[in-house]
Amino acid sequence: WFDKETGLLNQEELPIPEMGSSVVTKFRDYKDVGGVKQAHRIEQEGMMPFTIEYTAVRHNVDDIPEDTFDVPQGVE
């Protein structure tokens, strides 16, 4: 579902046929982040409901250490 006025994604529904149900995810609290509208609250309804609330979102930052995404030793 998209907002008619803003064009922003408000909600999506993912069917889960094996369970005979679906998962609904809602996107809320859009804020401008570097010229991009970014949802700062994501709510999921369904079998495993949860809410994610972002306090800060940054795009294209240069201060992330090089080794942040290195695969740990012992993991293949």
PDB file of N, CA and C in Angstrom:
ATOM      1  N   TRP A   1       0.825  -1.159   0.000  1.00  0.00           N
ATOM      2  CA  TRP A   1       0.000   0.000   0.000  1.00  0.00           C
ATOM      3  C   TRP A   1       0.884   1.243   0.000  1.00  0.00           C
ATOM      4  N   PHE A   2       0.578   2.168  -0.887  1.00  0.00           N
ATOM      5  CA  PHE A   2       1.325   3.416  -0.991  1.00  0.00           C
ATOM      6  C   PHE A   2       0.390   4.583  -0.688  1.00  0.00           C
ATOM      7  N   ASP A   3       0.924   5.609  -0.059  1.00  0.00           N
ATOM      8  CA  ASP A   3       0.172   6.814   0.224  1.00  0.00           C
ATOM      9  C   ASP A   3      -0.079   7.552  -1.093  1.00  0.00           C
ATOM     10  N   LYS A   4      -1.323   7.918  -1.372  1.00  0.00           N
ATOM     11  CA  LYS A   4      -1.667   8.582  -2.630  1.00  0.00           C
ATOM     12  C   LYS A   4      -0.973   9.930  -2.775  1.00  0.00           C
ATOM     13  N   GLU A   5      -0.835  10.659  -1.682  1.00  0.00           N
ATOM     14  CA  GLU A   5      -0.271  12.007  -1.752  1.00  0.00           C
ATOM     15  C   GLU A   5       1.250  12.018  -1.811  1.00  0.00           C
ATOM     16  N   THR A   6       1.898  11.171  -0.999  1.00  0.00           N
ATOM     17  CA  THR A   6       3.358  11.207  -0.914  1.00  0.00           C
ATOM     18  C   THR A   6       4.041  10.159  -1.778  1.00  0.00           C
ATOM     19  N   GLY A   7       3.320   9.081  -2.103  1.00  0.00           N
ATOM     20  CA  GLY A   7       3.920   7.976  -2.849  1.00  0.00           C
ATOM     21  C   GLY A   7       4.765   7.062  -1.983  1.00  0.00           C
ATOM     22  N   LEU A   8       4.788   7.314  -0.657  1.00  0.00           N
ATOM     23  CA  LEU A   8       5.605   6.510   0.251  1.00  0.00           C
ATOM     24  C   LEU A   8       4.903   5.196   0.601  1.00  0.00           C
ATOM     25  N   LEU A   9       5.697   4.154   0.784  1.00  0.00           N
ATOM     26  CA  LEU A   9       5.172   2.851   1.166  1.00  0.00           C
ATOM     27  C   LEU A   9       4.635   2.916   2.589  1.00  0.00           C
ATOM     28  N   ASN A  10       3.367   2.571   2.783  1.00  0.00           N
ATOM     29  CA  ASN A  10       2.757   2.554   4.116  1.00  0.00           C
ATOM     30  C   ASN A  10       2.673   1.160   4.698  1.00  0.00           C
ATOM     31  N   GLN A  11       2.461   0.162   3.837  1.00  0.00           N
ATOM     32  CA  GLN A  11       2.213  -1.189   4.334  1.00  0.00           C
ATOM     33  C   GLN A  11       2.462  -2.195   3.223  1.00  0.00           C
ATOM     34  N   GLU A  12       2.897  -3.383   3.630  1.00  0.00           N
ATOM     35  CA  GLU A  12       2.997  -4.497   2.685  1.00  0.00           C
ATOM     36  C   GLU A  12       2.500  -5.758   3.370  1.00  0.00           C
ATOM     37  N   GLU A  13       1.993  -6.676   2.572  1.00  0.00           N
ATOM     38  CA  GLU A  13       1.474  -7.931   3.107  1.00  0.00           C
ATOM     39  C   GLU A  13       2.126  -9.088   2.360  1.00  0.00           C
ATOM     40  N   LEU A  14       2.722  -9.993   3.116  1.00  0.00           N
ATOM     41  CA  LEU A  14       3.399 -11.145   2.542  1.00  0.00           C
ATOM     42  C   LEU A  14       2.615 -12.400   2.900  1.00  0.00           C
ATOM     43  N   PRO A  15       1.994 -13.044   1.905  1.00  0.00           N
ATOM     44  CA  PRO A  15       1.252 -14.267   2.197  1.00  0.00           C
ATOM     45  C   PRO A  15       2.187 -15.414   2.562  1.00  0.00           C
ATOM     46  N   ILE A  16       1.762 -16.221   3.514  1.00  0.00           N
ATOM     47  CA  ILE A  16       2.499 -17.421   3.898  1.00  0.00           C
ATOM     48  C   ILE A  16       1.542 -18.600   3.728  1.00  0.00           C
ATOM     49  N   PRO A  17       1.483 -19.154   2.515  1.00  0.00           N
ATOM     50  CA  PRO A  17       0.509 -20.213   2.212  1.00  0.00           C
ATOM     51  C   PRO A  17       0.630 -21.427   3.126  1.00  0.00           C
ATOM     52  N   GLU A  18       1.858 -21.781   3.507  1.00  0.00           N
ATOM     53  CA  GLU A  18       2.058 -22.964   4.352  1.00  0.00           C
ATOM     54  C   GLU A  18       1.366 -22.812   5.705  1.00  0.00           C
ATOM     55  N   MET A  19       1.229 -21.584   6.162  1.00  0.00           N
ATOM     56  CA  MET A  19       0.622 -21.322   7.460  1.00  0.00           C
ATOM     57  C   MET A  19      -0.843 -20.885   7.325  1.00  0.00           C
ATOM     58  N   GLY A  20      -1.270 -20.650   6.090  1.00  0.00           N
ATOM     59  CA  GLY A  20      -2.636 -20.200   5.874  1.00  0.00           C
ATOM     60  C   GLY A  20      -2.883 -18.790   6.387  1.00  0.00           C
ATOM     61  N   SER A  21      -1.832 -17.986   6.411  1.00  0.00           N
ATOM     62  CA  SER A  21      -1.975 -16.615   6.908  1.00  0.00           C
ATOM     63  C   SER A  21      -1.030 -15.700   6.142  1.00  0.00           C
ATOM     64  N   SER A  22      -0.827 -14.513   6.679  1.00  0.00           N
ATOM     65  CA  SER A  22       0.093 -13.573   6.059  1.00  0.00           C
ATOM     66  C   SER A  22       0.747 -12.719   7.138  1.00  0.00           C
ATOM     67  N   VAL A  23       1.809 -12.032   6.750  1.00  0.00           N
ATOM     68  CA  VAL A  23       2.517 -11.113   7.638  1.00  0.00           C
ATOM     69  C   VAL A  23       2.329  -9.711   7.077  1.00  0.00           C
ATOM     70  N   VAL A  24       1.904  -8.797   7.925  1.00  0.00           N
ATOM     71  CA  VAL A  24       1.698  -7.405   7.526  1.00  0.00           C
ATOM     72  C   VAL A  24       2.812  -6.564   8.138  1.00  0.00           C
ATOM     73  N   THR A  25       3.477  -5.769   7.310  1.00  0.00           N
ATOM     74  CA  THR A  25       4.525  -4.867   7.775  1.00  0.00           C
ATOM     75  C   THR A  25       4.093  -3.446   7.461  1.00  0.00           C
ATOM     76  N   LYS A  26       4.161  -2.570   8.498  1.00  0.00           N
ATOM     77  CA  LYS A  26       3.760  -1.170   8.347  1.00  0.00           C
ATOM     78  C   LYS A  26       4.979  -0.270   8.503  1.00  0.00           C
ATOM     79  N   PHE A  27       5.055   0.734   7.638  1.00  0.00           N
ATOM     80  CA  PHE A  27       6.182   1.666   7.640  1.00  0.00           C
ATOM     81  C   PHE A  27       5.667   3.031   8.073  1.00  0.00           C
ATOM     82  N   ARG A  28       6.270   3.560   9.142  1.00  0.00           N
ATOM     83  CA  ARG A  28       5.766   4.788   9.761  1.00  0.00           C
ATOM     84  C   ARG A  28       6.902   5.773  10.032  1.00  0.00           C
ATOM     85  N   ASP A  29       6.531   6.964  10.419  1.00  0.00           N
ATOM     86  CA  ASP A  29       7.445   8.001  10.891  1.00  0.00           C
ATOM     87  C   ASP A  29       8.564   8.275   9.880  1.00  0.00           C
ATOM     88  N   TYR A  30       8.161   8.627   8.670  1.00  0.00           N
ATOM     89  CA  TYR A  30       9.154   8.950   7.640  1.00  0.00           C
ATOM     90  C   TYR A  30       9.840  10.273   7.963  1.00  0.00           C
ATOM     91  N   LYS A  31      11.158  10.290   7.806  1.00  0.00           N
ATOM     92  CA  LYS A  31      11.953  11.496   8.008  1.00  0.00           C
ATOM     93  C   LYS A  31      12.936  11.620   6.851  1.00  0.00           C
ATOM     94  N   ASP A  32      13.331  12.846   6.564  1.00  0.00           N
ATOM     95  CA  ASP A  32      14.291  13.096   5.502  1.00  0.00           C
ATOM     96  C   ASP A  32      15.699  12.783   5.997  1.00  0.00           C
ATOM     97  N   VAL A  33      16.406  11.917   5.284  1.00  0.00           N
ATOM     98  CA  VAL A  33      17.789  11.563   5.616  1.00  0.00           C
ATOM     99  C   VAL A  33      18.622  11.787   4.361  1.00  0.00           C
ATOM    100  N   GLY A  34      19.347  12.882   4.333  1.00  0.00           N
ATOM    101  CA  GLY A  34      20.185  13.187   3.176  1.00  0.00           C
ATOM    102  C   GLY A  34      19.423  13.277   1.877  1.00  0.00           C
ATOM    103  N   GLY A  35      18.203  13.814   1.927  1.00  0.00           N
ATOM    104  CA  GLY A  35      17.399  13.962   0.718  1.00  0.00           C
ATOM    105  C   GLY A  35      16.568  12.738   0.373  1.00  0.00           C
ATOM    106  N   VAL A  36      16.585  11.714   1.222  1.00  0.00           N
ATOM    107  CA  VAL A  36      15.814  10.491   0.996  1.00  0.00           C
ATOM    108  C   VAL A  36      14.851  10.300   2.161  1.00  0.00           C
ATOM    109  N   LYS A  37      13.571  10.069   1.863  1.00  0.00           N
ATOM    110  CA  LYS A  37      12.602   9.795   2.917  1.00  0.00           C
ATOM    111  C   LYS A  37      12.808   8.367   3.409  1.00  0.00           C
ATOM    112  N   GLN A  38      13.013   8.215   4.714  1.00  0.00           N
ATOM    113  CA  GLN A  38      13.336   6.926   5.314  1.00  0.00           C
ATOM    114  C   GLN A  38      12.374   6.659   6.470  1.00  0.00           C
ATOM    115  N   ALA A  39      11.714   5.488   6.456  1.00  0.00           N
ATOM    116  CA  ALA A  39      10.839   5.112   7.573  1.00  0.00           C
ATOM    117  C   ALA A  39      11.705   4.891   8.813  1.00  0.00           C
ATOM    118  N   HIS A  40      11.317   5.502   9.914  1.00  0.00           N
ATOM    119  CA  HIS A  40      12.062   5.349  11.166  1.00  0.00           C
ATOM    120  C   HIS A  40      11.346   4.428  12.147  1.00  0.00           C
ATOM    121  N   ARG A  41      10.192   3.903  11.741  1.00  0.00           N
ATOM    122  CA  ARG A  41       9.467   2.941  12.565  1.00  0.00           C
ATOM    123  C   ARG A  41       8.866   1.887  11.646  1.00  0.00           C
ATOM    124  N   ILE A  42       9.158   0.626  11.926  1.00  0.00           N
ATOM    125  CA  ILE A  42       8.641  -0.489  11.146  1.00  0.00           C
ATOM    126  C   ILE A  42       7.958  -1.448  12.116  1.00  0.00           C
ATOM    127  N   GLU A  43       6.689  -1.729  11.855  1.00  0.00           N
ATOM    128  CA  GLU A  43       5.904  -2.605  12.719  1.00  0.00           C
ATOM    129  C   GLU A  43       5.481  -3.828  11.928  1.00  0.00           C
ATOM    130  N   GLN A  44       5.727  -5.005  12.481  1.00  0.00           N
ATOM    131  CA  GLN A  44       5.294  -6.237  11.823  1.00  0.00           C
ATOM    132  C   GLN A  44       4.211  -6.895  12.658  1.00  0.00           C
ATOM    133  N   GLU A  45       3.134  -7.284  12.000  1.00  0.00           N
ATOM    134  CA  GLU A  45       2.041  -8.002  12.641  1.00  0.00           C
ATOM    135  C   GLU A  45       2.037  -9.423  12.114  1.00  0.00           C
ATOM    136  N   GLY A  46       1.543 -10.345  12.896  1.00  0.00           N
ATOM    137  CA  GLY A  46       1.476 -11.734  12.463  1.00  0.00           C
ATOM    138  C   GLY A  46       1.940 -12.657  13.562  1.00  0.00           C
ATOM    139  N   MET A  47       2.482 -13.807  13.158  1.00  0.00           N
ATOM    140  CA  MET A  47       2.895 -14.829  14.120  1.00  0.00           C
ATOM    141  C   MET A  47       3.984 -14.330  15.072  1.00  0.00           C
ATOM    142  N   MET A  48       4.910 -13.541  14.562  1.00  0.00           N
ATOM    143  CA  MET A  48       6.015 -13.027  15.375  1.00  0.00           C
ATOM    144  C   MET A  48       6.040 -11.503  15.268  1.00  0.00           C
ATOM    145  N   PRO A  49       5.128 -10.819  15.952  1.00  0.00           N
ATOM    146  CA  PRO A  49       5.082  -9.364  15.833  1.00  0.00           C
ATOM    147  C   PRO A  49       6.296  -8.700  16.474  1.00  0.00           C
ATOM    148  N   PHE A  50       6.729  -7.598  15.876  1.00  0.00           N
ATOM    149  CA  PHE A  50       7.823  -6.817  16.453  1.00  0.00           C
ATOM    150  C   PHE A  50       7.774  -5.402  15.895  1.00  0.00           C
ATOM    151  N   THR A  51       8.500  -4.511  16.555  1.00  0.00           N
ATOM    152  CA  THR A  51       8.632  -3.125  16.109  1.00  0.00           C
ATOM    153  C   THR A  51      10.103  -2.761  16.096  1.00  0.00           C
ATOM    154  N   ILE A  52      10.537  -2.119  15.021  1.00  0.00           N
ATOM    155  CA  ILE A  52      11.890  -1.573  14.929  1.00  0.00           C
ATOM    156  C   ILE A  52      11.738  -0.065  14.891  1.00  0.00           C
ATOM    157  N   GLU A  53      12.448   0.619  15.769  1.00  0.00           N
ATOM    158  CA  GLU A  53      12.407   2.077  15.791  1.00  0.00           C
ATOM    159  C   GLU A  53      13.831   2.598  15.699  1.00  0.00           C
ATOM    160  N   TYR A  54      14.125   3.307  14.623  1.00  0.00           N
ATOM    161  CA  TYR A  54      15.468   3.836  14.396  1.00  0.00           C
ATOM    162  C   TYR A  54      15.611   5.189  15.086  1.00  0.00           C
ATOM    163  N   THR A  55      16.731   5.378  15.761  1.00  0.00           N
ATOM    164  CA  THR A  55      17.016   6.666  16.386  1.00  0.00           C
ATOM    165  C   THR A  55      17.933   7.495  15.500  1.00  0.00           C
ATOM    166  N   ALA A  56      18.677   6.830  14.615  1.00  0.00           N
ATOM    167  CA  ALA A  56      19.563   7.539  13.688  1.00  0.00           C
ATOM    168  C   ALA A  56      19.745   6.693  12.435  1.00  0.00           C
ATOM    169  N   VAL A  57      19.709   7.353  11.295  1.00  0.00           N
ATOM    170  CA  VAL A  57      19.940   6.695  10.008  1.00  0.00           C
ATOM    171  C   VAL A  57      20.910   7.580   9.243  1.00  0.00           C
ATOM    172  N   ARG A  58      21.978   6.974   8.699  1.00  0.00           N
ATOM    173  CA  ARG A  58      22.951   7.731   7.906  1.00  0.00           C
ATOM    174  C   ARG A  58      23.239   6.963   6.631  1.00  0.00           C
ATOM    175  N   HIS A  59      23.399   7.677   5.541  1.00  0.00           N
ATOM    176  CA  HIS A  59      23.727   7.064   4.248  1.00  0.00           C
ATOM    177  C   HIS A  59      25.125   7.486   3.826  1.00  0.00           C
ATOM    178  N   ASN A  60      25.833   6.578   3.141  1.00  0.00           N
ATOM    179  CA  ASN A  60      27.126   6.889   2.522  1.00  0.00           C
ATOM    180  C   ASN A  60      28.125   7.511   3.496  1.00  0.00           C
ATOM    181  N   VAL A  61      28.301   6.864   4.641  1.00  0.00           N
ATOM    182  CA  VAL A  61      29.240   7.392   5.631  1.00  0.00           C
ATOM    183  C   VAL A  61      30.621   6.784   5.427  1.00  0.00           C
ATOM    184  N   ASP A  62      31.646   7.533   5.786  1.00  0.00           N
ATOM    185  CA  ASP A  62      33.024   7.080   5.592  1.00  0.00           C
ATOM    186  C   ASP A  62      33.696   6.650   6.890  1.00  0.00           C
ATOM    187  N   ASP A  63      32.983   6.707   8.020  1.00  0.00           N
ATOM    188  CA  ASP A  63      33.632   6.426   9.294  1.00  0.00           C
ATOM    189  C   ASP A  63      33.380   5.006   9.820  1.00  0.00           C
ATOM    190  N   ILE A  64      32.980   4.089   8.938  1.00  0.00           N
ATOM    191  CA  ILE A  64      32.801   2.696   9.345  1.00  0.00           C
ATOM    192  C   ILE A  64      34.143   1.989   9.174  1.00  0.00           C
ATOM    193  N   PRO A  65      34.653   1.358  10.235  1.00  0.00           N
ATOM    194  CA  PRO A  65      35.941   0.670  10.133  1.00  0.00           C
ATOM    195  C   PRO A  65      35.951  -0.386   9.031  1.00  0.00           C
ATOM    196  N   GLU A  66      37.080  -0.526   8.358  1.00  0.00           N
ATOM    197  CA  GLU A  66      37.228  -1.460   7.232  1.00  0.00           C
ATOM    198  C   GLU A  66      36.836  -2.894   7.596  1.00  0.00           C
ATOM    199  N   ASP A  67      37.133  -3.326   8.817  1.00  0.00           N
ATOM    200  CA  ASP A  67      36.918  -4.725   9.190  1.00  0.00           C
ATOM    201  C   ASP A  67      35.519  -5.013   9.740  1.00  0.00           C
ATOM    202  N   THR A  68      34.628  -4.064   9.702  1.00  0.00           N
ATOM    203  CA  THR A  68      33.277  -4.244  10.272  1.00  0.00           C
ATOM    204  C   THR A  68      32.566  -5.444   9.676  1.00  0.00           C
ATOM    205  N   PHE A  69      32.699  -5.659   8.385  1.00  0.00           N
ATOM    206  CA  PHE A  69      31.947  -6.721   7.726  1.00  0.00           C
ATOM    207  C   PHE A  69      32.806  -7.942   7.372  1.00  0.00           C
ATOM    208  N   ASP A  70      33.992  -8.034   7.949  1.00  0.00           N
ATOM    209  CA  ASP A  70      34.832  -9.213   7.737  1.00  0.00           C
ATOM    210  C   ASP A  70      34.174 -10.434   8.375  1.00  0.00           C
ATOM    211  N   VAL A  71      34.271 -11.572   7.704  1.00  0.00           N
ATOM    212  CA  VAL A  71      33.752 -12.824   8.244  1.00  0.00           C
ATOM    213  C   VAL A  71      34.647 -13.266   9.406  1.00  0.00           C
ATOM    214  N   PRO A  72      34.066 -13.560  10.571  1.00  0.00           N
ATOM    215  CA  PRO A  72      34.889 -13.974  11.728  1.00  0.00           C
ATOM    216  C   PRO A  72      35.636 -15.268  11.438  1.00  0.00           C
ATOM    217  N   GLN A  73      36.775 -15.429  12.090  1.00  0.00           N
ATOM    218  CA  GLN A  73      37.554 -16.672  11.941  1.00  0.00           C
ATOM    219  C   GLN A  73      36.699 -17.833  12.400  1.00  0.00           C
ATOM    220  N   GLY A  74      36.827 -18.968  11.726  1.00  0.00           N
ATOM    221  CA  GLY A  74      36.077 -20.164  12.081  1.00  0.00           C
ATOM    222  C   GLY A  74      34.717 -20.252  11.413  1.00  0.00           C
ATOM    223  N   VAL A  75      34.334 -19.202  10.707  1.00  0.00           N
ATOM    224  CA  VAL A  75      33.045 -19.206   9.995  1.00  0.00           C
ATOM    225  C   VAL A  75      33.359 -19.318   8.510  1.00  0.00           C
ATOM    226  N   GLU A  76      32.726 -20.265   7.870  1.00  0.00           N
ATOM    227  CA  GLU A  76      32.961 -20.455   6.433  1.00  0.00           C
ATOM    228  C   GLU A  76      31.702 -20.229   5.653  1.00  0.00           C
TER     229      GLU A  76
END
